[in-house]
N, C-alpha and C. Protein backbone atom coordinates (compact mmCIF):
# COMPACT_ATOMS: atom_id res chain seq x y z
N MET A 1 0.59 -1.08 -0.15
CA MET A 1 0.31 0.10 -0.09
C MET A 1 0.81 1.41 -0.03
N VAL A 2 2.03 1.47 0.67
CA VAL A 2 2.85 2.39 0.87
C VAL A 2 3.52 2.77 -0.78
N ARG A 3 4.09 1.44 -1.52
CA ARG A 3 4.33 1.77 -2.70
C ARG A 3 3.29 2.33 -3.49
N GLU A 4 1.96 1.88 -3.30
CA GLU A 4 0.93 2.32 -4.34
C GLU A 4 0.83 3.92 -4.20
N GLY A 5 0.97 4.44 -2.73
CA GLY A 5 0.56 5.79 -2.16
C GLY A 5 1.76 6.66 -2.70
N ASN A 6 2.75 5.80 -2.51
CA ASN A 6 4.10 6.86 -3.49
C ASN A 6 4.00 7.29 -5.11
N ALA A 7 3.51 5.79 -5.42
CA ALA A 7 3.49 6.07 -7.04
C ALA A 7 2.24 7.05 -7.07
N GLU A 8 1.43 6.87 -6.50
CA GLU A 8 0.30 8.12 -7.12
C GLU A 8 0.45 9.48 -6.57
N SER A 9 1.63 9.23 -5.48
CA SER A 9 1.78 11.11 -5.11
C SER A 9 2.99 11.33 -6.31
N CYS A 10 3.87 10.72 -6.39
CA CYS A 10 4.78 11.07 -7.74
C CYS A 10 3.79 11.24 -8.88
N PHE A 11 2.76 10.62 -9.49
CA PHE A 11 2.24 10.74 -10.57
C PHE A 11 1.59 12.02 -10.45
N ARG A 12 0.90 12.57 -9.09
CA ARG A 12 0.32 13.79 -8.93
C ARG A 12 1.27 14.80 -9.12
N MET A 13 2.41 14.51 -8.64
CA MET A 13 3.23 15.70 -8.60
C MET A 13 3.81 16.10 -9.86
N ARG A 14 3.94 15.17 -10.87
CA ARG A 14 4.22 14.85 -12.22
C ARG A 14 3.33 15.94 -13.18
N LEU A 15 1.91 15.59 -12.56
CA LEU A 15 0.99 16.40 -13.17
C LEU A 15 1.05 17.94 -12.78
N TRP A 16 1.32 18.01 -11.71
CA TRP A 16 1.28 19.46 -11.26
C TRP A 16 2.36 20.14 -11.94
N CYS A 17 3.63 19.39 -12.09
CA CYS A 17 4.70 20.11 -12.38
C CYS A 17 4.67 20.57 -13.87
N ILE A 18 3.98 19.44 -14.69
CA ILE A 18 3.64 19.96 -16.22
C ILE A 18 2.67 21.00 -15.98
N ALA A 19 1.62 20.83 -15.37
CA ALA A 19 0.54 22.12 -15.31
C ALA A 19 1.09 23.47 -14.93
N VAL A 20 2.08 23.40 -14.08
CA VAL A 20 2.96 24.76 -13.93
C VAL A 20 3.64 25.12 -15.12
N LEU A 21 4.30 24.27 -15.26
CA LEU A 21 5.46 24.54 -16.75
C LEU A 21 4.45 25.35 -18.25
N GLY A 22 3.26 24.21 -18.23
CA GLY A 22 2.19 24.99 -19.32
C GLY A 22 2.06 26.30 -18.77
N LEU A 23 1.65 26.71 -17.97
CA LEU A 23 1.03 27.98 -17.32
C LEU A 23 2.30 29.15 -17.34
N ALA A 24 3.22 28.31 -17.00
CA ALA A 24 4.74 29.35 -17.16
C ALA A 24 5.05 29.68 -18.75
N LEU A 25 4.57 28.65 -19.49
CA LEU A 25 5.32 28.78 -21.10
C LEU A 25 3.97 29.74 -21.54
N LEU A 26 2.81 29.58 -21.14
CA LEU A 26 1.72 30.22 -21.64
C LEU A 26 1.84 31.95 -21.22
N SER A 27 2.13 31.98 -20.07
CA SER A 27 2.17 33.39 -19.46
C SER A 27 3.90 33.83 -20.36
N ALA A 28 4.64 33.46 -20.19
CA ALA A 28 5.46 33.93 -20.93
C ALA A 28 5.57 34.39 -22.36
N CYS A 29 4.81 33.34 -23.01
CA CYS A 29 4.30 33.75 -24.80
C CYS A 29 3.43 35.02 -24.71
N PHE A 30 2.70 35.22 -23.93
CA PHE A 30 1.62 36.37 -23.71
C PHE A 30 2.58 37.40 -23.45
N ILE A 31 3.32 37.42 -22.36
CA ILE A 31 4.63 38.46 -22.45
C ILE A 31 5.28 38.90 -23.29
N VAL A 32 5.56 37.90 -24.10
CA VAL A 32 6.84 38.47 -25.27
C VAL A 32 5.50 39.01 -26.61
N SER A 33 4.50 38.42 -26.28
CA SER A 33 3.36 38.86 -27.63
C SER A 33 3.32 40.23 -27.22
N CYS A 34 2.92 40.82 -26.16
CA CYS A 34 2.52 41.93 -25.53
C CYS A 34 4.03 42.93 -25.92
N VAL A 35 5.02 42.35 -25.19
CA VAL A 35 6.15 43.18 -25.64
C VAL A 35 6.23 43.62 -27.14
N VAL A 36 6.25 42.70 -28.22
CA VAL A 36 6.46 42.62 -29.27
C VAL A 36 5.28 43.70 -30.16
N THR A 37 4.27 43.46 -29.40
CA THR A 37 3.13 44.59 -30.26
C THR A 37 2.95 45.94 -29.88
N TYR A 38 3.74 45.72 -28.48
CA TYR A 38 3.82 47.53 -28.24
C TYR A 38 4.99 48.03 -28.88
N TYR A 39 6.27 47.10 -28.89
CA TYR A 39 7.04 47.89 -29.84
C TYR A 39 6.43 48.24 -31.24
N PHE A 40 6.31 47.19 -31.76
CA PHE A 40 5.68 47.37 -32.97
C PHE A 40 4.96 48.40 -33.15
N THR A 41 3.75 48.62 -32.54
CA THR A 41 2.64 49.78 -32.30
C THR A 41 3.24 51.17 -32.29
N HIS A 42 4.19 51.24 -31.14
CA HIS A 42 4.64 52.59 -30.97
C HIS A 42 5.78 52.66 -31.60
N GLY A 43 6.31 51.70 -32.02
CA GLY A 43 7.46 52.03 -33.34
C GLY A 43 6.93 52.74 -34.37
N ASN A 44 6.01 52.19 -34.92
CA ASN A 44 5.24 52.88 -36.02
C ASN A 44 4.96 54.08 -36.03
N ILE A 45 4.03 54.26 -34.75
CA ILE A 45 3.59 55.64 -34.25
C ILE A 45 4.96 56.76 -34.14
N GLY A 46 6.11 56.27 -33.50
CA GLY A 46 7.03 57.16 -33.42
C GLY A 46 7.63 57.58 -34.94
N LYS A 47 7.88 56.53 -35.62
CA LYS A 47 8.48 56.83 -37.24
C LYS A 47 7.17 57.92 -37.86
N ARG A 48 5.99 57.51 -37.62
CA ARG A 48 5.16 58.40 -38.69
C ARG A 48 5.19 59.62 -37.76
N LEU A 49 5.25 59.86 -36.46
CA LEU A 49 5.08 61.22 -36.01
C LEU A 49 6.40 61.93 -36.43
N SER A 50 7.53 61.25 -36.30
CA SER A 50 8.88 61.81 -37.12
C SER A 50 8.67 62.29 -38.19
N GLU A 51 7.71 61.70 -39.15
CA GLU A 51 7.60 62.08 -40.65
C GLU A 51 6.84 63.25 -40.84
N LEU A 52 5.74 63.18 -39.73
CA LEU A 52 4.95 64.31 -39.69
C LEU A 52 5.70 65.77 -39.19
N HIS A 53 6.58 65.29 -38.27
CA HIS A 53 7.08 66.75 -37.85
C HIS A 53 8.25 67.26 -39.17
N THR A 54 8.22 66.49 -39.96
CA THR A 54 9.63 67.16 -40.72
C THR A 54 8.38 67.98 -41.94
N HIS A 55 7.26 67.80 -42.05
CA HIS A 55 6.47 68.67 -42.46
C HIS A 55 5.37 69.61 -41.73
N HIS A 56 5.36 69.37 -40.65
CA HIS A 56 4.32 70.25 -39.98
C HIS A 56 5.14 70.50 -38.66
N SER A 57 4.76 71.66 -37.93
CA SER A 57 5.23 72.29 -36.82
C SER A 57 4.84 72.01 -35.65
N ASN A 58 3.32 71.37 -35.55
CA ASN A 58 2.54 71.15 -34.67
C ASN A 58 1.41 69.97 -34.84
N LEU A 59 1.14 69.54 -33.77
CA LEU A 59 0.27 68.60 -34.35
C LEU A 59 -0.85 69.13 -33.13
N THR A 60 -2.54 68.67 -33.31
CA THR A 60 -3.49 68.83 -32.40
C THR A 60 -4.06 67.53 -32.06
N CYS A 61 -4.46 67.27 -30.95
CA CYS A 61 -4.83 65.93 -30.60
C CYS A 61 -6.35 66.01 -30.13
N PHE A 62 -7.12 64.82 -30.40
CA PHE A 62 -8.18 64.90 -29.80
C PHE A 62 -8.70 63.69 -29.02
N SER A 63 -9.40 63.73 -27.95
CA SER A 63 -9.66 62.16 -27.26
C SER A 63 -10.74 61.57 -28.17
N GLU A 64 -10.37 60.49 -28.67
CA GLU A 64 -11.79 59.63 -29.05
C GLU A 64 -11.96 58.74 -28.80
N GLY A 65 -11.88 58.28 -27.28
CA GLY A 65 -12.15 57.08 -26.39
C GLY A 65 -13.83 57.72 -25.82
N THR A 66 -14.45 56.57 -26.11
CA THR A 66 -16.01 56.54 -25.62
C THR A 66 -15.72 56.14 -24.00
N ARG A 67 -14.84 55.97 -23.53
CA ARG A 67 -14.85 55.35 -22.02
C ARG A 67 -13.74 56.06 -21.01
N VAL A 68 -13.54 56.34 -19.91
CA VAL A 68 -12.48 56.53 -19.51
C VAL A 68 -11.35 55.98 -19.24
N THR A 69 -11.56 54.77 -19.68
CA THR A 69 -10.26 53.32 -19.51
C THR A 69 -9.83 53.63 -20.97
N GLU A 70 -10.54 54.06 -22.12
CA GLU A 70 -9.83 54.18 -23.75
C GLU A 70 -9.22 55.27 -23.45
N LYS A 71 -8.03 55.40 -23.43
CA LYS A 71 -7.19 56.69 -23.83
C LYS A 71 -6.70 57.08 -25.04
N ILE A 72 -7.37 56.90 -26.17
CA ILE A 72 -7.20 57.15 -27.29
C ILE A 72 -7.33 58.62 -28.02
N TRP A 73 -6.13 58.94 -28.62
CA TRP A 73 -6.04 60.17 -28.92
C TRP A 73 -5.71 60.31 -30.68
N GLY A 74 -6.33 60.88 -31.36
CA GLY A 74 -6.40 61.19 -32.87
C GLY A 74 -5.76 62.40 -33.15
N CYS A 75 -4.83 62.33 -33.92
CA CYS A 75 -3.82 63.76 -34.04
C CYS A 75 -3.74 64.18 -35.46
N CYS A 76 -3.93 65.29 -35.45
CA CYS A 76 -3.72 65.93 -36.93
C CYS A 76 -2.68 67.59 -36.94
N PRO A 77 -2.08 67.57 -38.00
CA PRO A 77 -1.62 68.65 -38.17
C PRO A 77 -2.54 70.00 -37.65
N GLY A 78 -1.76 70.73 -36.84
CA GLY A 78 -2.34 72.02 -36.48
C GLY A 78 -3.73 72.64 -37.48
N THR A 79 -3.46 73.10 -38.22
CA THR A 79 -4.31 73.73 -39.53
C THR A 79 -5.45 72.74 -40.05
N TRP A 80 -5.00 71.29 -40.13
CA TRP A 80 -5.95 70.41 -40.82
C TRP A 80 -7.33 70.04 -40.08
N LYS A 81 -8.35 69.46 -40.90
CA LYS A 81 -9.72 69.30 -40.37
C LYS A 81 -9.71 68.02 -39.99
N PRO A 82 -9.92 67.30 -38.90
CA PRO A 82 -9.90 65.90 -38.29
C PRO A 82 -11.48 65.40 -39.03
N PHE A 83 -11.62 64.53 -39.28
CA PHE A 83 -13.02 63.78 -39.56
C PHE A 83 -12.61 62.00 -39.58
N GLY A 84 -13.37 61.33 -39.00
CA GLY A 84 -13.48 60.03 -38.84
C GLY A 84 -11.84 59.54 -38.79
N SER A 85 -11.36 58.58 -39.74
CA SER A 85 -10.01 58.27 -39.41
C SER A 85 -8.80 59.12 -40.23
N SER A 86 -9.51 60.35 -40.48
CA SER A 86 -8.33 61.23 -41.65
C SER A 86 -8.33 62.47 -40.99
N CYS A 87 -7.45 63.47 -41.63
CA CYS A 87 -7.30 64.76 -41.51
C CYS A 87 -7.28 65.08 -42.99
N TYR A 88 -8.14 66.50 -43.23
CA TYR A 88 -7.99 67.16 -44.37
C TYR A 88 -7.41 68.64 -44.28
N PHE A 89 -6.89 68.85 -45.41
CA PHE A 89 -6.17 70.26 -45.95
C PHE A 89 -6.83 70.79 -47.36
N ILE A 90 -7.41 72.18 -46.90
CA ILE A 90 -8.00 72.65 -48.19
C ILE A 90 -6.85 73.90 -48.63
N SER A 91 -6.46 73.29 -49.96
CA SER A 91 -5.14 74.40 -50.39
C SER A 91 -5.89 75.50 -50.70
N SER A 92 -5.30 76.49 -50.48
CA SER A 92 -5.39 77.99 -50.79
C SER A 92 -5.10 78.14 -52.15
N GLU A 93 -3.97 77.69 -52.69
CA GLU A 93 -3.46 77.89 -53.95
C GLU A 93 -4.52 76.97 -55.01
N GLU A 94 -4.02 77.83 -56.34
CA GLU A 94 -4.78 77.13 -57.38
C GLU A 94 -3.24 76.42 -58.39
N ASN A 95 -3.32 75.07 -58.73
CA ASN A 95 -2.33 74.49 -59.31
C ASN A 95 -3.00 73.35 -60.58
N PHE A 96 -2.31 72.61 -61.13
CA PHE A 96 -2.79 71.70 -62.12
C PHE A 96 -2.85 70.58 -61.24
N TRP A 97 -3.57 69.45 -61.69
CA TRP A 97 -3.85 68.33 -60.65
C TRP A 97 -2.51 67.59 -60.27
N ALA A 98 -1.49 67.45 -61.22
CA ALA A 98 -0.31 66.87 -61.07
C ALA A 98 0.54 67.59 -59.85
N LYS A 99 0.41 69.00 -59.77
CA LYS A 99 1.39 69.74 -59.16
C LYS A 99 0.65 69.52 -57.76
N SER A 100 -0.69 69.61 -57.82
CA SER A 100 -1.51 69.71 -56.45
C SER A 100 -1.31 68.37 -55.42
N GLU A 101 -1.18 67.33 -56.49
CA GLU A 101 -0.95 65.70 -55.66
C GLU A 101 0.41 66.19 -55.19
N GLN A 102 1.37 66.66 -56.14
CA GLN A 102 2.95 66.62 -55.65
C GLN A 102 2.97 67.54 -54.17
N ASN A 103 2.12 68.46 -54.32
CA ASN A 103 2.02 69.10 -52.94
C ASN A 103 1.42 68.42 -51.76
N CYS A 104 0.52 67.29 -51.76
CA CYS A 104 -0.11 66.87 -51.17
C CYS A 104 1.01 65.81 -50.63
N ILE A 105 1.93 65.23 -51.16
CA ILE A 105 2.61 64.15 -50.60
C ILE A 105 3.79 65.23 -49.94
N GLY A 106 4.23 66.45 -50.47
CA GLY A 106 5.42 67.11 -49.81
C GLY A 106 4.67 67.11 -48.31
N MET A 107 3.51 67.25 -47.78
CA MET A 107 3.16 67.22 -46.53
C MET A 107 2.65 65.89 -45.95
N GLY A 108 3.15 65.04 -46.56
CA GLY A 108 2.71 63.51 -46.05
C GLY A 108 1.36 63.12 -46.37
N ALA A 109 0.67 63.72 -47.60
CA ALA A 109 -0.77 63.50 -47.66
C ALA A 109 -0.52 62.92 -49.11
N HIS A 110 -1.85 62.92 -49.56
CA HIS A 110 -2.46 62.77 -51.46
C HIS A 110 -3.73 63.49 -51.23
N LEU A 111 -3.75 63.56 -52.47
CA LEU A 111 -5.38 64.25 -52.87
C LEU A 111 -6.41 63.49 -52.33
N VAL A 112 -7.25 64.10 -51.71
CA VAL A 112 -8.57 63.30 -51.15
C VAL A 112 -9.31 62.23 -51.94
N VAL A 113 -9.57 61.24 -50.99
CA VAL A 113 -10.36 59.92 -51.58
C VAL A 113 -11.30 60.02 -50.73
N ILE A 114 -12.63 60.04 -51.39
CA ILE A 114 -13.59 59.99 -50.77
C ILE A 114 -14.78 58.57 -50.98
N ASN A 115 -14.97 58.11 -49.87
CA ASN A 115 -15.44 56.87 -49.33
C ASN A 115 -16.62 56.67 -48.95
N THR A 116 -17.46 57.78 -48.68
CA THR A 116 -18.73 57.48 -48.12
C THR A 116 -19.46 59.01 -48.33
N GLU A 117 -20.88 58.92 -48.22
CA GLU A 117 -21.59 60.18 -48.16
C GLU A 117 -21.27 61.31 -47.36
N THR A 118 -21.13 60.69 -46.04
CA THR A 118 -20.68 61.64 -44.74
C THR A 118 -19.59 62.18 -45.05
N GLU A 119 -18.45 61.54 -45.35
CA GLU A 119 -17.24 62.03 -45.82
C GLU A 119 -17.53 63.25 -46.99
N GLN A 120 -18.25 63.14 -47.84
CA GLN A 120 -18.27 64.04 -48.85
C GLN A 120 -19.15 65.24 -48.50
N ASP A 121 -20.16 65.15 -47.54
CA ASP A 121 -20.69 66.16 -46.84
C ASP A 121 -20.06 66.91 -46.06
N PHE A 122 -19.11 66.11 -45.15
CA PHE A 122 -18.17 66.82 -44.26
C PHE A 122 -17.08 67.81 -45.21
N ILE A 123 -16.74 67.40 -46.16
CA ILE A 123 -15.67 68.06 -47.14
C ILE A 123 -16.24 69.31 -47.46
N ILE A 124 -17.43 68.92 -48.11
CA ILE A 124 -18.55 70.14 -48.74
C ILE A 124 -18.59 71.34 -48.19
N GLN A 125 -18.44 71.14 -46.40
CA GLN A 125 -18.87 71.92 -45.62
C GLN A 125 -17.79 73.05 -45.67
N GLN A 126 -16.29 72.53 -45.66
CA GLN A 126 -15.43 73.07 -45.41
C GLN A 126 -14.78 73.95 -46.66
N LEU A 127 -15.69 74.11 -47.88
CA LEU A 127 -15.30 74.63 -49.27
C LEU A 127 -15.86 76.02 -49.44
N ASN A 128 -15.47 76.83 -50.29
CA ASN A 128 -15.77 77.93 -50.84
C ASN A 128 -16.73 77.62 -52.20
N LYS A 129 -17.79 78.30 -52.04
CA LYS A 129 -18.72 77.82 -53.55
C LYS A 129 -18.37 78.59 -54.62
N THR A 130 -17.32 79.60 -54.40
CA THR A 130 -16.94 80.34 -55.64
C THR A 130 -15.63 79.42 -56.37
N PHE A 131 -15.23 78.36 -55.71
CA PHE A 131 -14.13 77.89 -56.30
C PHE A 131 -14.31 76.18 -56.65
N SER A 132 -13.41 75.49 -57.58
CA SER A 132 -13.59 74.21 -57.64
C SER A 132 -12.29 73.40 -57.15
N TYR A 133 -12.53 72.32 -56.80
CA TYR A 133 -11.26 71.59 -56.03
C TYR A 133 -10.92 70.18 -56.66
N PHE A 134 -9.67 69.98 -56.94
CA PHE A 134 -9.06 68.86 -57.32
C PHE A 134 -9.52 67.59 -56.11
N LEU A 135 -9.88 66.48 -56.76
CA LEU A 135 -10.19 65.15 -56.13
C LEU A 135 -8.88 64.00 -56.51
N GLY A 136 -8.60 63.40 -55.63
CA GLY A 136 -7.59 62.06 -55.96
C GLY A 136 -8.47 61.44 -56.90
N LEU A 137 -8.82 61.71 -58.06
CA LEU A 137 -9.47 60.88 -58.88
C LEU A 137 -9.29 60.99 -60.13
N SER A 138 -9.18 60.33 -61.09
CA SER A 138 -8.55 60.48 -62.47
C SER A 138 -8.61 59.27 -63.28
N ASP A 139 -9.03 59.60 -64.78
CA ASP A 139 -9.21 58.57 -65.68
C ASP A 139 -8.04 58.97 -66.44
N PRO A 140 -6.94 58.05 -66.10
CA PRO A 140 -5.93 58.44 -67.00
C PRO A 140 -5.53 58.24 -68.61
N GLN A 141 -6.60 57.21 -68.62
CA GLN A 141 -6.56 56.67 -70.49
C GLN A 141 -7.67 57.26 -71.10
N GLY A 142 -8.83 58.19 -70.39
CA GLY A 142 -9.86 58.77 -71.03
C GLY A 142 -10.61 57.73 -71.49
N ASN A 143 -10.65 56.54 -70.76
CA ASN A 143 -11.70 55.49 -71.31
C ASN A 143 -12.93 54.93 -70.15
N GLY A 144 -12.62 56.23 -69.26
CA GLY A 144 -13.87 55.80 -68.02
C GLY A 144 -13.81 55.03 -67.20
N ASN A 145 -12.20 54.85 -67.13
CA ASN A 145 -11.93 53.85 -66.06
C ASN A 145 -11.17 54.81 -65.18
N TRP A 146 -11.98 55.38 -64.10
CA TRP A 146 -11.61 56.06 -63.09
C TRP A 146 -11.12 55.42 -61.97
N GLN A 147 -10.01 56.13 -61.64
CA GLN A 147 -9.10 55.55 -60.52
C GLN A 147 -8.74 56.26 -59.28
N TRP A 148 -8.88 56.08 -57.88
CA TRP A 148 -8.46 56.77 -56.86
C TRP A 148 -7.00 56.80 -56.65
N ILE A 149 -6.37 57.87 -56.35
CA ILE A 149 -5.05 57.98 -56.29
C ILE A 149 -4.27 56.84 -55.48
N ASP A 150 -4.91 56.41 -54.35
CA ASP A 150 -4.37 55.44 -53.29
C ASP A 150 -4.64 53.90 -53.61
N GLN A 151 -5.41 53.98 -54.90
CA GLN A 151 -5.77 52.79 -55.20
C GLN A 151 -6.87 52.07 -54.60
N THR A 152 -7.69 52.94 -53.92
CA THR A 152 -8.79 52.37 -53.52
C THR A 152 -9.60 51.88 -54.64
N PRO A 153 -10.75 51.28 -54.54
CA PRO A 153 -11.16 50.79 -55.50
C PRO A 153 -12.42 51.84 -55.87
N TYR A 154 -12.48 52.24 -57.43
CA TYR A 154 -13.71 53.14 -57.84
C TYR A 154 -15.09 52.37 -57.62
N LYS A 155 -15.89 52.68 -56.87
CA LYS A 155 -17.19 51.98 -56.25
C LYS A 155 -18.16 52.66 -56.98
N GLU A 156 -19.34 52.12 -57.79
CA GLU A 156 -19.95 52.85 -58.43
C GLU A 156 -21.39 53.30 -58.03
N ASN A 157 -21.20 52.61 -56.48
CA ASN A 157 -22.51 53.11 -55.80
C ASN A 157 -22.02 54.28 -54.43
N VAL A 158 -20.69 54.68 -54.80
CA VAL A 158 -20.21 55.79 -54.02
C VAL A 158 -19.38 56.75 -55.11
N ARG A 159 -20.51 57.69 -55.82
CA ARG A 159 -19.80 58.63 -56.28
C ARG A 159 -20.90 59.59 -56.42
N PHE A 160 -20.30 60.88 -56.69
CA PHE A 160 -21.39 62.04 -56.31
C PHE A 160 -20.95 63.20 -57.54
N TRP A 161 -21.19 62.46 -58.81
CA TRP A 161 -20.92 63.44 -60.04
C TRP A 161 -22.38 63.98 -60.40
N HIS A 162 -22.09 65.33 -60.70
CA HIS A 162 -23.25 66.20 -61.29
C HIS A 162 -24.00 65.08 -62.44
N GLN A 163 -25.28 65.97 -62.44
CA GLN A 163 -25.97 64.87 -63.65
C GLN A 163 -25.25 65.05 -65.03
N ASN A 164 -25.07 63.87 -65.68
CA ASN A 164 -24.71 64.26 -67.10
C ASN A 164 -23.44 64.15 -66.66
N GLU A 165 -22.49 63.90 -66.00
CA GLU A 165 -21.00 63.99 -65.70
C GLU A 165 -20.52 62.60 -65.48
N PRO A 166 -19.35 62.35 -65.74
CA PRO A 166 -18.47 62.42 -66.60
C PRO A 166 -19.03 62.68 -67.83
N ASN A 167 -18.37 63.73 -68.84
CA ASN A 167 -19.09 63.83 -70.31
C ASN A 167 -18.07 64.25 -71.29
N PHE A 168 -16.76 64.17 -70.86
CA PHE A 168 -15.90 64.58 -71.93
C PHE A 168 -14.61 63.50 -71.56
N SER A 169 -14.37 62.74 -72.74
CA SER A 169 -12.95 61.80 -72.29
C SER A 169 -11.63 62.59 -72.10
N ALA A 170 -11.51 63.74 -72.93
CA ALA A 170 -10.43 64.37 -72.68
C ALA A 170 -10.09 65.16 -71.12
N GLU A 171 -11.42 65.18 -70.51
CA GLU A 171 -11.06 65.56 -69.24
C GLU A 171 -10.82 64.54 -68.44
N GLU A 172 -9.80 64.49 -68.00
CA GLU A 172 -9.24 63.13 -67.45
C GLU A 172 -9.27 63.47 -65.76
N CYS A 173 -9.26 64.23 -65.22
CA CYS A 173 -9.69 64.42 -63.73
C CYS A 173 -10.69 64.91 -63.10
N ALA A 174 -10.94 64.60 -62.02
CA ALA A 174 -12.05 64.98 -61.18
C ALA A 174 -11.95 66.41 -60.13
N SER A 175 -12.86 67.16 -60.12
CA SER A 175 -12.86 67.94 -59.00
C SER A 175 -14.21 68.11 -58.62
N VAL A 176 -14.41 68.97 -57.45
CA VAL A 176 -15.69 69.17 -56.57
C VAL A 176 -16.08 70.46 -57.07
N VAL A 177 -17.43 70.73 -57.45
CA VAL A 177 -17.55 72.00 -57.73
C VAL A 177 -19.07 72.53 -57.29
N PHE A 178 -19.46 73.75 -56.79
CA PHE A 178 -20.76 74.09 -56.52
C PHE A 178 -21.37 74.78 -57.92
N TRP A 179 -22.25 74.04 -58.24
CA TRP A 179 -23.30 74.92 -59.56
C TRP A 179 -24.79 75.39 -58.83
N ASP A 180 -25.02 76.55 -59.24
CA ASP A 180 -26.32 76.98 -59.04
C ASP A 180 -27.26 76.33 -59.26
N GLY A 181 -28.14 75.62 -58.56
CA GLY A 181 -29.37 75.09 -58.79
C GLY A 181 -29.42 73.47 -58.81
N ARG A 182 -27.85 72.98 -58.56
CA ARG A 182 -27.56 71.57 -58.37
C ARG A 182 -26.51 71.45 -57.07
N GLY A 183 -26.11 72.70 -56.50
CA GLY A 183 -25.73 72.16 -55.26
C GLY A 183 -23.96 72.01 -55.56
N TRP A 184 -23.58 71.00 -54.66
CA TRP A 184 -22.15 70.42 -54.77
C TRP A 184 -22.34 68.83 -55.42
N GLY A 185 -21.03 69.16 -56.35
CA GLY A 185 -20.86 67.59 -57.02
C GLY A 185 -19.66 67.56 -57.75
N TRP A 186 -19.48 66.18 -58.11
CA TRP A 186 -18.14 66.04 -59.05
C TRP A 186 -18.19 66.40 -60.59
N ASN A 187 -17.35 66.76 -61.15
CA ASN A 187 -17.18 67.30 -62.70
C ASN A 187 -15.91 66.99 -63.29
N ASP A 188 -16.10 66.39 -64.24
CA ASP A 188 -14.56 66.13 -65.27
C ASP A 188 -14.13 67.21 -65.54
N VAL A 189 -12.56 67.38 -65.60
CA VAL A 189 -12.10 68.74 -65.69
C VAL A 189 -11.03 68.39 -66.37
N PHE A 190 -10.26 69.24 -67.23
CA PHE A 190 -8.60 68.99 -67.86
C PHE A 190 -7.78 69.20 -66.90
N CYS A 191 -6.96 68.11 -66.73
CA CYS A 191 -5.88 68.03 -65.42
C CYS A 191 -4.69 69.15 -65.66
N ASP A 192 -4.84 69.82 -66.67
CA ASP A 192 -3.85 71.10 -66.93
C ASP A 192 -4.47 72.27 -66.60
N SER A 193 -5.51 72.14 -66.10
CA SER A 193 -6.39 73.48 -65.72
C SER A 193 -6.08 73.59 -64.38
N LYS A 194 -6.03 74.98 -63.70
CA LYS A 194 -5.70 75.03 -62.29
C LYS A 194 -6.63 75.54 -61.64
N ARG A 195 -6.87 74.55 -60.69
CA ARG A 195 -7.84 74.65 -59.60
C ARG A 195 -7.19 74.56 -58.15
N LYS A 196 -7.98 75.00 -56.90
CA LYS A 196 -7.76 74.65 -55.56
C LYS A 196 -7.49 73.25 -55.34
N SER A 197 -7.32 72.50 -54.21
CA SER A 197 -7.15 71.08 -54.09
C SER A 197 -7.52 70.67 -52.60
N ILE A 198 -7.88 69.46 -52.41
CA ILE A 198 -8.14 68.93 -50.89
C ILE A 198 -7.37 67.87 -50.69
N CYS A 199 -6.62 67.96 -49.88
CA CYS A 199 -5.46 67.01 -49.30
C CYS A 199 -6.30 66.23 -48.16
N GLU A 200 -5.64 64.77 -48.15
CA GLU A 200 -6.13 64.20 -47.15
C GLU A 200 -5.01 63.07 -46.20
N MET A 201 -4.80 62.96 -45.53
CA MET A 201 -3.82 61.98 -44.69
C MET A 201 -4.53 61.39 -43.59
N LYS A 202 -4.16 59.88 -43.04
CA LYS A 202 -4.52 59.31 -41.97
C LYS A 202 -4.11 59.88 -40.67
N LYS A 203 -4.86 59.81 -39.61
CA LYS A 203 -4.76 60.38 -38.00
C LYS A 203 -3.60 59.57 -37.86
N ILE A 204 -2.99 60.33 -36.64
CA ILE A 204 -1.85 59.37 -35.58
C ILE A 204 -2.55 59.12 -34.37
N TYR A 205 -2.67 58.09 -34.11
CA TYR A 205 -3.56 57.45 -33.02
C TYR A 205 -2.69 57.55 -31.74
N LEU A 206 -2.71 57.76 -30.68
CA LEU A 206 -1.66 57.75 -29.61
C LEU A 206 -2.50 57.00 -28.37
């Protein structure tokens, strides 16, 4: 009976040791995963902040957490307008489409890509009805194959062209413009015409 008791005790001890080792390994994996995720996330944030600071002297951050425990801050350059996950800049200069895109790139951004009706509504509220503004949308081949500058798929159900637009294949760039009696909408225009523009960049989250 003593030997059977000892054997049973040793067996239980082995099970206990295996359980402890398994728990220790799981804990170690969890800690390593957290450390890697932390450095990856904060490393990318640091890199993005560094890139932005080369173009902008200051950032404005807004608390976006819905609860006290969610300390999330979305940051945009000081003069840019925040909306959703992006920041927007309305250019006061008039340039060709390609030059407008280069100016956006120089600020760490690109010409605006409009994905939803709410985004369109927000943007037009920032605009002056007197002017036309380039979008990041073009038809390089003039064959009706419209493309967004960031390769976002062009969705037929998310477009805001004025009635009967686009209507001329030689006009290969898109703008947003206010027309009396029609309101704001997209219009195809010559890429080498000079217009104001809208730049967009992703927010930095801290």
